[in-house]
Amino acid sequence: MLYRAREGAGKRRMTEAIIESSVVANGVRFHYATQGRGPLVLLVHGFPERWFSWRWQIPALAAAGYRVVAPDLRGYGLSDKPHDGYEITNLALDIAQLIRALGEDEATVIGHDWGGAITWETVSRHPEVVSRYGVINCPHPEVMRRTLLSSTAQLRRSWYMFAFNIPWLPERMIARDGGSAVAKMFRAMAVDRSNFTREAMAPFCESVASPEAVTPMLAYYRQALRAAARPSSIAPYPVIEKPGLLLWAEEDKALGLELLAPHSRVARDLRIQRIPQCGHFCTQEQPETVNRHLLRWLEETRAVTPGRSASPPSE
């Protein structure tokens, strides 16, 4: 069974110059927010977010001369919620085909959390569609795998990944009280909670207000654990040659700083920038700092991006 986005989600509507629309890619209708014209920058959110987690980055990047698109991922928000297709390889294919569906041959791809994992996978498996990439608080999958095997501290921090594999109980715990657990989690992970107001958290809470809505989000973790149990099924990762940026909030309670150093072995042209006094959800907690780092890196690597910009696809 396929749960469709609510009626009318594919129609464009203007909200403070950010247009919301939808497009079909890899057999799924993706809802997305967009603003600006220029080379395409694709912003890929993580768990348990949606495009709204990029609300501060979209206008900043658009003002700098980019066409910015932030989709709700497969299983999230107003995008389709199929029962399958949550393997990391297929999620990367979602991004590769989404770039093409948006009328472009390649894009700058920037992801946070699970969006970062998908970004690593996309630039590794589909380098032809990624001109450069940015990852925010998410280790390369091979770095994460090796660290989990060698670091009991990181294994303890990652307890939730295993808890999310328990049947039905995580869905009910996350969805109860209108999804208020999500707002509590955002605040608990933050150093500065001032941006995590009730109003700002409402779109995220609404997205997880029923167990049925949470199941596709948890499918990311459940498929990842199944894949980890079959390591021989995972193709080796090539060393990444494309220009990259790894932003890392230092006070991340889920991911330790020991994950940073090994990245020199998996990516040749990678800049690592740390953000002090900031928790995991840094695009929301310190948006100005994140924007400053992104804009500086984008400007310094602008020569690698294509100059053309396709028109938005017709609905």
C-alpha atoms as a PDB file:
ATOM      1  CA  MET A   1       0.000   0.000   0.000  1.00  0.00           C
ATOM      2  CA  LEU A   2       1.218   3.476  -0.867  1.00  0.00           C
ATOM      3  CA  TYR A   3       0.261   6.408   1.349  1.00  0.00           C
ATOM      4  CA  ARG A   4       0.004   9.509  -0.797  1.00  0.00           C
ATOM      5  CA  ALA A   5       0.724  13.066   0.261  1.00  0.00           C
ATOM      6  CA  ARG A   6      -2.462  14.890   1.170  1.00  0.00           C
ATOM      7  CA  GLU A   7      -4.588  16.222  -1.670  1.00  0.00           C
ATOM      8  CA  GLY A   8      -3.222  19.378  -3.231  1.00  0.00           C
ATOM      9  CA  ALA A   9       0.350  18.835  -2.054  1.00  0.00           C
ATOM     10  CA  GLY A  10       1.564  18.926  -5.650  1.00  0.00           C
ATOM     11  CA  LYS A  11       0.181  22.401  -6.250  1.00  0.00           C
ATOM     12  CA  ARG A  12       2.567  25.277  -5.816  1.00  0.00           C
ATOM     13  CA  ARG A  13       1.925  27.763  -3.100  1.00  0.00           C
ATOM     14  CA  MET A  14       3.972  30.739  -1.982  1.00  0.00           C
ATOM     15  CA  THR A  15       5.057  31.103   1.638  1.00  0.00           C
ATOM     16  CA  GLU A  16       7.363  34.087   2.141  1.00  0.00           C
ATOM     17  CA  ALA A  17       8.962  33.528  -1.297  1.00  0.00           C
ATOM     18  CA  ILE A  18       9.592  29.820  -0.690  1.00  0.00           C
ATOM     19  CA  ILE A  19       7.585  27.817  -3.229  1.00  0.00           C
ATOM     20  CA  GLU A  20       6.358  24.336  -2.348  1.00  0.00           C
ATOM     21  CA  SER A  21       5.801  21.850  -5.161  1.00  0.00           C
ATOM     22  CA  SER A  22       6.293  18.178  -6.031  1.00  0.00           C
ATOM     23  CA  VAL A  23       7.943  15.986  -8.640  1.00  0.00           C
ATOM     24  CA  VAL A  24       8.145  12.243  -9.347  1.00  0.00           C
ATOM     25  CA  ALA A  25      11.545  10.524  -9.175  1.00  0.00           C
ATOM     26  CA  ASN A  26      12.425   6.837  -8.797  1.00  0.00           C
ATOM     27  CA  GLY A  27       8.724   5.987  -8.653  1.00  0.00           C
ATOM     28  CA  VAL A  28       7.990   8.289  -5.694  1.00  0.00           C
ATOM     29  CA  ARG A  29       6.344  11.699  -5.597  1.00  0.00           C
ATOM     30  CA  PHE A  30       8.601  14.024  -3.635  1.00  0.00           C
ATOM     31  CA  HIS A  31       7.285  17.158  -2.006  1.00  0.00           C
ATOM     32  CA  TYR A  32       9.870  19.932  -1.925  1.00  0.00           C
ATOM     33  CA  ALA A  33      10.457  23.571  -1.097  1.00  0.00           C
ATOM     34  CA  THR A  34      12.430  25.765  -3.466  1.00  0.00           C
ATOM     35  CA  GLN A  35      13.700  29.291  -3.874  1.00  0.00           C
ATOM     36  CA  GLY A  36      16.163  31.117  -6.106  1.00  0.00           C
ATOM     37  CA  ARG A  37      17.754  30.695  -9.525  1.00  0.00           C
ATOM     38  CA  GLY A  38      21.201  29.503 -10.478  1.00  0.00           C
ATOM     39  CA  PRO A  39      23.153  26.255 -10.061  1.00  0.00           C
ATOM     40  CA  LEU A  40      21.138  23.653  -8.167  1.00  0.00           C
ATOM     41  CA  VAL A  41      21.822  23.065  -4.469  1.00  0.00           C
ATOM     42  CA  LEU A  42      19.894  20.128  -3.018  1.00  0.00           C
ATOM     43  CA  LEU A  43      19.393  20.151   0.768  1.00  0.00           C
ATOM     44  CA  VAL A  44      18.712  16.708   2.255  1.00  0.00           C
ATOM     45  CA  HIS A  45      17.243  16.551   5.768  1.00  0.00           C
ATOM     46  CA  GLY A  46      17.641  13.894   8.451  1.00  0.00           C
ATOM     47  CA  PHE A  47      15.587  12.147  11.134  1.00  0.00           C
ATOM     48  CA  PRO A  48      13.002  13.158  12.330  1.00  0.00           C
ATOM     49  CA  GLU A  49      12.876  16.299  10.213  1.00  0.00           C
ATOM     50  CA  ARG A  50      11.577  17.439   6.828  1.00  0.00           C
ATOM     51  CA  TRP A  51      12.367  20.290   4.432  1.00  0.00           C
ATOM     52  CA  PHE A  52      11.417  22.825   7.123  1.00  0.00           C
ATOM     53  CA  SER A  53      14.658  22.081   8.991  1.00  0.00           C
ATOM     54  CA  TRP A  54      16.414  24.043   6.204  1.00  0.00           C
ATOM     55  CA  ARG A  55      14.164  27.098   6.565  1.00  0.00           C
ATOM     56  CA  TRP A  56      17.115  29.363   7.425  1.00  0.00           C
ATOM     57  CA  GLN A  57      19.463  27.964   4.792  1.00  0.00           C
ATOM     58  CA  ILE A  58      17.078  28.130   1.820  1.00  0.00           C
ATOM     59  CA  PRO A  59      16.782  31.951   1.615  1.00  0.00           C
ATOM     60  CA  ALA A  60      20.466  32.487   2.431  1.00  0.00           C
ATOM     61  CA  LEU A  61      21.661  30.206  -0.362  1.00  0.00           C
ATOM     62  CA  ALA A  62      19.049  31.524  -2.786  1.00  0.00           C
ATOM     63  CA  ALA A  63      20.222  35.089  -2.127  1.00  0.00           C
ATOM     64  CA  ALA A  64      23.763  33.978  -2.956  1.00  0.00           C
ATOM     65  CA  GLY A  65      22.711  32.965  -6.468  1.00  0.00           C
ATOM     66  CA  TYR A  66      21.606  29.351  -6.200  1.00  0.00           C
ATOM     67  CA  ARG A  67      18.477  27.439  -7.061  1.00  0.00           C
ATOM     68  CA  VAL A  68      17.812  25.745  -3.730  1.00  0.00           C
ATOM     69  CA  VAL A  69      15.602  22.668  -3.438  1.00  0.00           C
ATOM     70  CA  ALA A  70      14.862  20.971  -0.100  1.00  0.00           C
ATOM     71  CA  PRO A  71      12.724  17.828  -0.456  1.00  0.00           C
ATOM     72  CA  ASP A  72      10.812  15.823   2.092  1.00  0.00           C
ATOM     73  CA  LEU A  73      12.578  12.476   1.811  1.00  0.00           C
ATOM     74  CA  ARG A  74      10.873   9.201   0.906  1.00  0.00           C
ATOM     75  CA  GLY A  75       8.549   8.374   3.815  1.00  0.00           C
ATOM     76  CA  TYR A  76       8.616  11.881   5.296  1.00  0.00           C
ATOM     77  CA  GLY A  77       6.317  14.881   5.417  1.00  0.00           C
ATOM     78  CA  LEU A  78       4.202  15.291   2.299  1.00  0.00           C
ATOM     79  CA  SER A  79       6.260  12.933   0.136  1.00  0.00           C
ATOM     80  CA  ASP A  80       4.994   9.441  -0.680  1.00  0.00           C
ATOM     81  CA  LYS A  81       5.388   6.779   1.988  1.00  0.00           C
ATOM     82  CA  PRO A  82       5.862   3.397   0.291  1.00  0.00           C
ATOM     83  CA  HIS A  83       6.407   0.279   2.372  1.00  0.00           C
ATOM     84  CA  ASP A  84       9.749  -0.489   0.718  1.00  0.00           C
ATOM     85  CA  GLY A  85      12.733   1.157  -0.919  1.00  0.00           C
ATOM     86  CA  TYR A  86      14.496   2.374   2.234  1.00  0.00           C
ATOM     87  CA  GLU A  87      17.843   0.702   1.554  1.00  0.00           C
ATOM     88  CA  ILE A  88      20.632   3.290   1.498  1.00  0.00           C
ATOM     89  CA  THR A  89      21.470   2.392  -2.099  1.00  0.00           C
ATOM     90  CA  ASN A  90      17.909   3.151  -3.174  1.00  0.00           C
ATOM     91  CA  LEU A  91      17.786   6.352  -1.119  1.00  0.00           C
ATOM     92  CA  ALA A  92      20.872   7.517  -3.012  1.00  0.00           C
ATOM     93  CA  LEU A  93      19.130   6.596  -6.255  1.00  0.00           C
ATOM     94  CA  ASP A  94      16.215   8.779  -5.098  1.00  0.00           C
ATOM     95  CA  ILE A  95      18.588  11.753  -4.937  1.00  0.00           C
ATOM     96  CA  ALA A  96      20.287  10.993  -8.248  1.00  0.00           C
ATOM     97  CA  GLN A  97      16.961  10.701 -10.048  1.00  0.00           C
ATOM     98  CA  LEU A  98      15.521  13.700  -8.214  1.00  0.00           C
ATOM     99  CA  ILE A  99      18.331  15.858  -9.605  1.00  0.00           C
ATOM    100  CA  ARG A 100      17.445  14.681 -13.111  1.00  0.00           C
ATOM    101  CA  ALA A 101      13.709  15.115 -12.500  1.00  0.00           C
ATOM    102  CA  LEU A 102      14.397  18.724 -11.513  1.00  0.00           C
ATOM    103  CA  GLY A 103      15.892  19.247 -14.962  1.00  0.00           C
ATOM    104  CA  GLU A 104      19.582  19.232 -14.032  1.00  0.00           C
ATOM    105  CA  ASP A 105      22.520  17.003 -14.901  1.00  0.00           C
ATOM    106  CA  GLU A 106      24.269  17.569 -11.575  1.00  0.00           C
ATOM    107  CA  ALA A 107      23.957  19.467  -8.312  1.00  0.00           C
ATOM    108  CA  THR A 108      25.671  20.430  -5.108  1.00  0.00           C
ATOM    109  CA  VAL A 109      24.221  18.023  -2.533  1.00  0.00           C
ATOM    110  CA  ILE A 110      24.237  18.962   1.165  1.00  0.00           C
ATOM    111  CA  GLY A 111      22.822  16.620   3.797  1.00  0.00           C
ATOM    112  CA  HIS A 112      22.397  16.538   7.564  1.00  0.00           C
ATOM    113  CA  ASP A 113      22.066  13.435   9.763  1.00  0.00           C
ATOM    114  CA  TRP A 114      20.404  10.731   7.615  1.00  0.00           C
ATOM    115  CA  GLY A 115      20.536  13.224   4.771  1.00  0.00           C
ATOM    116  CA  GLY A 116      24.294  13.211   5.290  1.00  0.00           C
ATOM    117  CA  ALA A 117      24.421   9.414   5.043  1.00  0.00           C
ATOM    118  CA  ILE A 118      22.449   9.619   1.807  1.00  0.00           C
ATOM    119  CA  THR A 119      24.807  12.331   0.544  1.00  0.00           C
ATOM    120  CA  TRP A 120      27.859  10.149   1.232  1.00  0.00           C
ATOM    121  CA  GLU A 121      26.157   7.287  -0.611  1.00  0.00           C
ATOM    122  CA  THR A 122      25.120   9.466  -3.551  1.00  0.00           C
ATOM    123  CA  VAL A 123      28.544  10.999  -4.155  1.00  0.00           C
ATOM    124  CA  SER A 124      30.105   7.522  -3.833  1.00  0.00           C
ATOM    125  CA  ARG A 125      27.676   5.600  -6.060  1.00  0.00           C
ATOM    126  CA  HIS A 126      26.489   8.350  -8.431  1.00  0.00           C
ATOM    127  CA  PRO A 127      29.401  10.821  -8.691  1.00  0.00           C
ATOM    128  CA  GLU A 128      28.258  11.898 -12.142  1.00  0.00           C
ATOM    129  CA  VAL A 129      25.310  13.836 -10.645  1.00  0.00           C
ATOM    130  CA  VAL A 130      27.224  15.451  -7.752  1.00  0.00           C
ATOM    131  CA  SER A 131      29.474  18.423  -8.526  1.00  0.00           C
ATOM    132  CA  ARG A 132      30.423  18.846  -4.843  1.00  0.00           C
ATOM    133  CA  TYR A 133      28.941  17.752  -1.543  1.00  0.00           C
ATOM    134  CA  GLY A 134      28.456  18.905   2.013  1.00  0.00           C
ATOM    135  CA  VAL A 135      27.709  16.751   5.038  1.00  0.00           C
ATOM    136  CA  ILE A 136      26.590  18.021   8.437  1.00  0.00           C
ATOM    137  CA  ASN A 137      27.015  15.829  11.517  1.00  0.00           C
ATOM    138  CA  CYS A 138      27.051  12.460   9.834  1.00  0.00           C
ATOM    139  CA  PRO A 139      30.102  10.231   9.376  1.00  0.00           C
ATOM    140  CA  HIS A 140      30.964   8.381   6.198  1.00  0.00           C
ATOM    141  CA  PRO A 141      29.308   4.923   6.435  1.00  0.00           C
ATOM    142  CA  GLU A 142      32.636   3.089   6.463  1.00  0.00           C
ATOM    143  CA  VAL A 143      33.951   5.388   9.201  1.00  0.00           C
ATOM    144  CA  MET A 144      30.794   4.764  11.234  1.00  0.00           C
ATOM    145  CA  ARG A 145      31.014   0.997  10.768  1.00  0.00           C
ATOM    146  CA  ARG A 146      34.633   0.805  11.887  1.00  0.00           C
ATOM    147  CA  THR A 147      34.080   3.136  14.822  1.00  0.00           C
ATOM    148  CA  LEU A 148      31.116   1.121  16.096  1.00  0.00           C
ATOM    149  CA  LEU A 149      33.338  -1.958  16.050  1.00  0.00           C
ATOM    150  CA  SER A 150      36.187  -0.250  17.920  1.00  0.00           C
ATOM    151  CA  SER A 151      34.601   2.351  20.217  1.00  0.00           C
ATOM    152  CA  THR A 152      32.342   1.331  23.085  1.00  0.00           C
ATOM    153  CA  ALA A 153      31.667   5.039  23.700  1.00  0.00           C
ATOM    154  CA  GLN A 154      30.179   5.470  20.227  1.00  0.00           C
ATOM    155  CA  LEU A 155      28.319   2.192  20.550  1.00  0.00           C
ATOM    156  CA  ARG A 156      26.637   3.546  23.691  1.00  0.00           C
ATOM    157  CA  ARG A 157      25.804   6.823  21.950  1.00  0.00           C
ATOM    158  CA  SER A 158      24.163   4.846  19.148  1.00  0.00           C
ATOM    159  CA  TRP A 159      21.772   2.931  21.418  1.00  0.00           C
ATOM    160  CA  TYR A 160      18.746   4.467  19.698  1.00  0.00           C
ATOM    161  CA  MET A 161      19.658   2.855  16.372  1.00  0.00           C
ATOM    162  CA  PHE A 162      19.095  -0.536  17.955  1.00  0.00           C
ATOM    163  CA  ALA A 163      16.033   0.599  19.928  1.00  0.00           C
ATOM    164  CA  PHE A 164      14.384   1.770  16.702  1.00  0.00           C
ATOM    165  CA  ASN A 165      14.530  -1.823  15.453  1.00  0.00           C
ATOM    166  CA  ILE A 166      12.087  -3.005  18.127  1.00  0.00           C
ATOM    167  CA  PRO A 167       8.700  -3.680  16.455  1.00  0.00           C
ATOM    168  CA  TRP A 168       5.833  -1.157  16.875  1.00  0.00           C
ATOM    169  CA  LEU A 169       6.908   0.251  20.281  1.00  0.00           C
ATOM    170  CA  PRO A 170       9.113   3.104  18.960  1.00  0.00           C
ATOM    171  CA  GLU A 171       6.283   4.258  16.695  1.00  0.00           C
ATOM    172  CA  ARG A 172       3.882   4.577  19.594  1.00  0.00           C
ATOM    173  CA  MET A 173       6.365   6.304  21.860  1.00  0.00           C
ATOM    174  CA  ILE A 174       7.274   8.881  19.207  1.00  0.00           C
ATOM    175  CA  ALA A 175       3.674   9.494  18.079  1.00  0.00           C
ATOM    176  CA  ARG A 176       2.030   9.838  21.493  1.00  0.00           C
ATOM    177  CA  ASP A 177       0.824  13.231  22.686  1.00  0.00           C
ATOM    178  CA  GLY A 178       0.779  14.591  19.157  1.00  0.00           C
ATOM    179  CA  GLY A 179       4.442  13.835  18.536  1.00  0.00           C
ATOM    180  CA  SER A 180       5.634  15.924  21.476  1.00  0.00           C
ATOM    181  CA  ALA A 181       8.556  13.520  21.995  1.00  0.00           C
ATOM    182  CA  VAL A 182      10.180  14.984  18.895  1.00  0.00           C
ATOM    183  CA  ALA A 183      10.123  18.517  20.295  1.00  0.00           C
ATOM    184  CA  LYS A 184      11.572  17.232  23.566  1.00  0.00           C
ATOM    185  CA  MET A 185      14.333  15.462  21.674  1.00  0.00           C
ATOM    186  CA  PHE A 186      15.272  18.581  19.703  1.00  0.00           C
ATOM    187  CA  ARG A 187      15.577  20.573  22.914  1.00  0.00           C
ATOM    188  CA  ALA A 188      17.448  17.828  24.772  1.00  0.00           C
ATOM    189  CA  MET A 189      20.056  17.644  22.007  1.00  0.00           C
ATOM    190  CA  ALA A 190      20.633  21.411  21.900  1.00  0.00           C
ATOM    191  CA  VAL A 191      23.055  23.649  23.770  1.00  0.00           C
ATOM    192  CA  ASP A 192      21.004  26.757  22.948  1.00  0.00           C
ATOM    193  CA  ARG A 193      17.286  25.927  22.865  1.00  0.00           C
ATOM    194  CA  SER A 194      16.014  29.364  21.856  1.00  0.00           C
ATOM    195  CA  ASN A 195      15.218  28.389  18.244  1.00  0.00           C
ATOM    196  CA  PHE A 196      13.306  25.268  19.275  1.00  0.00           C
ATOM    197  CA  THR A 197      10.074  27.036  20.144  1.00  0.00           C
ATOM    198  CA  ARG A 198       6.684  25.328  20.192  1.00  0.00           C
ATOM    199  CA  GLU A 199       5.753  27.117  16.958  1.00  0.00           C
ATOM    200  CA  ALA A 200       8.970  26.078  15.207  1.00  0.00           C
ATOM    201  CA  MET A 201       8.579  22.462  16.320  1.00  0.00           C
ATOM    202  CA  ALA A 202       4.926  22.155  15.261  1.00  0.00           C
ATOM    203  CA  PRO A 203       5.607  20.967  11.662  1.00  0.00           C
ATOM    204  CA  PHE A 204       7.875  18.194  12.926  1.00  0.00           C
ATOM    205  CA  CYS A 205       5.452  17.081  15.645  1.00  0.00           C
ATOM    206  CA  GLU A 206       2.569  17.038  13.169  1.00  0.00           C
ATOM    207  CA  SER A 207       4.608  14.798  10.850  1.00  0.00           C
ATOM    208  CA  VAL A 208       4.929  12.087  13.523  1.00  0.00           C
ATOM    209  CA  ALA A 209       1.514  12.397  15.162  1.00  0.00           C
ATOM    210  CA  SER A 210       0.443   8.865  14.152  1.00  0.00           C
ATOM    211  CA  PRO A 211       2.350   5.562  14.404  1.00  0.00           C
ATOM    212  CA  GLU A 212       1.685   4.921  10.705  1.00  0.00           C
ATOM    213  CA  ALA A 213       3.563   8.109   9.811  1.00  0.00           C
ATOM    214  CA  VAL A 214       6.565   7.121  11.936  1.00  0.00           C
ATOM    215  CA  THR A 215       7.056   3.629  10.498  1.00  0.00           C
ATOM    216  CA  PRO A 216       8.554   4.796   7.160  1.00  0.00           C
ATOM    217  CA  MET A 217      10.997   7.063   9.020  1.00  0.00           C
ATOM    218  CA  LEU A 218      12.176   4.163  11.182  1.00  0.00           C
ATOM    219  CA  ALA A 219      12.518   1.993   8.076  1.00  0.00           C
ATOM    220  CA  TYR A 220      15.797   3.832   7.403  1.00  0.00           C
ATOM    221  CA  TYR A 221      17.265   2.417  10.637  1.00  0.00           C
ATOM    222  CA  ARG A 222      15.719  -1.011  10.208  1.00  0.00           C
ATOM    223  CA  GLN A 223      17.051  -1.454   6.700  1.00  0.00           C
ATOM    224  CA  ALA A 224      20.471  -0.202   7.821  1.00  0.00           C
ATOM    225  CA  LEU A 225      20.682  -2.852  10.549  1.00  0.00           C
ATOM    226  CA  ARG A 226      19.676  -5.576   8.103  1.00  0.00           C
ATOM    227  CA  ALA A 227      22.416  -4.429   5.732  1.00  0.00           C
ATOM    228  CA  ALA A 228      24.967  -4.348   8.565  1.00  0.00           C
ATOM    229  CA  ALA A 229      24.158  -7.987   9.291  1.00  0.00           C
ATOM    230  CA  ARG A 230      25.173  -8.803   5.695  1.00  0.00           C
ATOM    231  CA  PRO A 231      28.440  -6.858   5.214  1.00  0.00           C
ATOM    232  CA  SER A 232      29.384  -8.904   2.157  1.00  0.00           C
ATOM    233  CA  SER A 233      26.366  -7.418   0.353  1.00  0.00           C
ATOM    234  CA  ILE A 234      27.772  -3.874   0.635  1.00  0.00           C
ATOM    235  CA  ALA A 235      30.008  -2.846  -2.256  1.00  0.00           C
ATOM    236  CA  PRO A 236      33.340  -1.281  -1.213  1.00  0.00           C
ATOM    237  CA  TYR A 237      33.302   2.506  -1.094  1.00  0.00           C
ATOM    238  CA  PRO A 238      35.633   4.301  -3.507  1.00  0.00           C
ATOM    239  CA  VAL A 239      37.741   7.187  -2.248  1.00  0.00           C
ATOM    240  CA  ILE A 240      35.737  10.342  -2.965  1.00  0.00           C
ATOM    241  CA  GLU A 241      37.432  12.803  -5.308  1.00  0.00           C
ATOM    242  CA  LYS A 242      34.784  15.550  -5.434  1.00  0.00           C
ATOM    243  CA  PRO A 243      35.198  18.726  -3.322  1.00  0.00           C
ATOM    244  CA  GLY A 244      33.499  18.246   0.023  1.00  0.00           C
ATOM    245  CA  LEU A 245      32.705  19.988   3.290  1.00  0.00           C
ATOM    246  CA  LEU A 246      32.108  18.213   6.598  1.00  0.00           C
ATOM    247  CA  LEU A 247      30.487  20.475   9.201  1.00  0.00           C
ATOM    248  CA  TRP A 248      30.466  19.110  12.731  1.00  0.00           C
ATOM    249  CA  ALA A 249      28.679  20.513  15.775  1.00  0.00           C
ATOM    250  CA  GLU A 250      30.986  19.642  18.663  1.00  0.00           C
ATOM    251  CA  GLU A 251      28.311  18.997  21.306  1.00  0.00           C
ATOM    252  CA  ASP A 252      26.569  16.225  19.388  1.00  0.00           C
ATOM    253  CA  LYS A 253      25.276  13.741  21.972  1.00  0.00           C
ATOM    254  CA  ALA A 254      24.790  11.028  19.352  1.00  0.00           C
ATOM    255  CA  LEU A 255      28.065  11.245  17.428  1.00  0.00           C
ATOM    256  CA  GLY A 256      31.495  11.619  19.020  1.00  0.00           C
ATOM    257  CA  LEU A 257      34.376  13.774  17.825  1.00  0.00           C
ATOM    258  CA  GLU A 258      36.508  10.658  17.347  1.00  0.00           C
ATOM    259  CA  LEU A 259      34.554  10.116  14.124  1.00  0.00           C
ATOM    260  CA  LEU A 260      36.249  13.082  12.415  1.00  0.00           C
ATOM    261  CA  ALA A 261      39.890  12.032  11.951  1.00  0.00           C
ATOM    262  CA  PRO A 262      39.298   8.869   9.864  1.00  0.00           C
ATOM    263  CA  HIS A 263      37.674  10.884   7.066  1.00  0.00           C
ATOM    264  CA  SER A 264      41.087  11.646   5.577  1.00  0.00           C
ATOM    265  CA  ARG A 265      41.084   8.027   4.380  1.00  0.00           C
ATOM    266  CA  VAL A 266      37.733   8.151   2.568  1.00  0.00           C
ATOM    267  CA  ALA A 267      37.766  11.576   0.861  1.00  0.00           C
ATOM    268  CA  ARG A 268      40.682  13.397  -0.776  1.00  0.00           C
ATOM    269  CA  ASP A 269      39.320  16.935  -1.088  1.00  0.00           C
ATOM    270  CA  LEU A 270      37.384  17.312   2.164  1.00  0.00           C
ATOM    271  CA  ARG A 271      37.341  20.368   4.380  1.00  0.00           C
ATOM    272  CA  ILE A 272      36.382  19.714   8.013  1.00  0.00           C
ATOM    273  CA  GLN A 273      34.912  22.597   9.997  1.00  0.00           C
ATOM    274  CA  ARG A 274      33.855  22.274  13.634  1.00  0.00           C
ATOM    275  CA  ILE A 275      31.074  24.303  15.255  1.00  0.00           C
ATOM    276  CA  PRO A 276      31.662  24.783  18.996  1.00  0.00           C
ATOM    277  CA  GLN A 277      28.913  25.031  21.599  1.00  0.00           C
ATOM    278  CA  CYS A 278      26.295  23.506  19.320  1.00  0.00           C
ATOM    279  CA  GLY A 279      24.256  20.306  19.347  1.00  0.00           C
ATOM    280  CA  HIS A 280      23.335  17.809  16.642  1.00  0.00           C
ATOM    281  CA  PHE A 281      20.564  19.817  14.948  1.00  0.00           C
ATOM    282  CA  CYS A 282      22.876  22.693  14.094  1.00  0.00           C
ATOM    283  CA  THR A 283      21.028  23.877  10.971  1.00  0.00           C
ATOM    284  CA  GLN A 284      18.317  24.995  13.376  1.00  0.00           C
ATOM    285  CA  GLU A 285      20.334  25.734  16.517  1.00  0.00           C
ATOM    286  CA  GLN A 286      23.047  27.888  14.918  1.00  0.00           C
ATOM    287  CA  PRO A 287      21.686  28.705  11.448  1.00  0.00           C
ATOM    288  CA  GLU A 288      23.814  31.823  10.991  1.00  0.00           C
ATOM    289  CA  THR A 289      27.000  29.878  11.709  1.00  0.00           C
ATOM    290  CA  VAL A 290      25.994  27.047   9.393  1.00  0.00           C
ATOM    291  CA  ASN A 291      25.082  29.527   6.658  1.00  0.00           C
ATOM    292  CA  ARG A 292      28.399  31.346   7.006  1.00  0.00           C
ATOM    293  CA  HIS A 293      30.401  28.129   6.589  1.00  0.00           C
ATOM    294  CA  LEU A 294      28.260  26.909   3.692  1.00  0.00           C
ATOM    295  CA  LEU A 295      28.377  30.198   1.814  1.00  0.00           C
ATOM    296  CA  ARG A 296      32.146  30.565   2.207  1.00  0.00           C
ATOM    297  CA  TRP A 297      32.739  27.014   0.998  1.00  0.00           C
ATOM    298  CA  LEU A 298      30.291  27.399  -1.886  1.00  0.00           C
ATOM    299  CA  GLU A 299      31.995  30.606  -2.996  1.00  0.00           C
ATOM    300  CA  GLU A 300      35.486  29.120  -2.766  1.00  0.00           C
ATOM    301  CA  THR A 301      34.485  26.049  -4.795  1.00  0.00           C
ATOM    302  CA  ARG A 302      32.053  27.775  -7.163  1.00  0.00           C
ATOM    303  CA  ALA A 303      34.255  27.119 -10.202  1.00  0.00           C
ATOM    304  CA  VAL A 304      33.372  23.409 -10.135  1.00  0.00           C
ATOM    305  CA  THR A 305      29.624  23.997 -10.542  1.00  0.00           C
ATOM    306  CA  PRO A 306      27.819  24.201 -13.885  1.00  0.00           C
ATOM    307  CA  GLY A 307      26.755  27.668 -14.945  1.00  0.00           C
ATOM    308  CA  ARG A 308      23.359  26.822 -16.367  1.00  0.00           C
ATOM    309  CA  SER A 309      20.108  26.515 -14.477  1.00  0.00           C
ATOM    310  CA  ALA A 310      17.097  24.666 -15.753  1.00  0.00           C
ATOM    311  CA  SER A 311      13.615  26.024 -15.305  1.00  0.00           C
ATOM    312  CA  PRO A 312      11.485  24.346 -12.636  1.00  0.00           C
ATOM    313  CA  PRO A 313       9.788  21.223 -14.038  1.00  0.00           C
ATOM    314  CA  SER A 314       6.189  21.528 -15.114  1.00  0.00           C
ATOM    315  CA  GLU A 315       3.630  19.758 -12.962  1.00  0.00           C
END
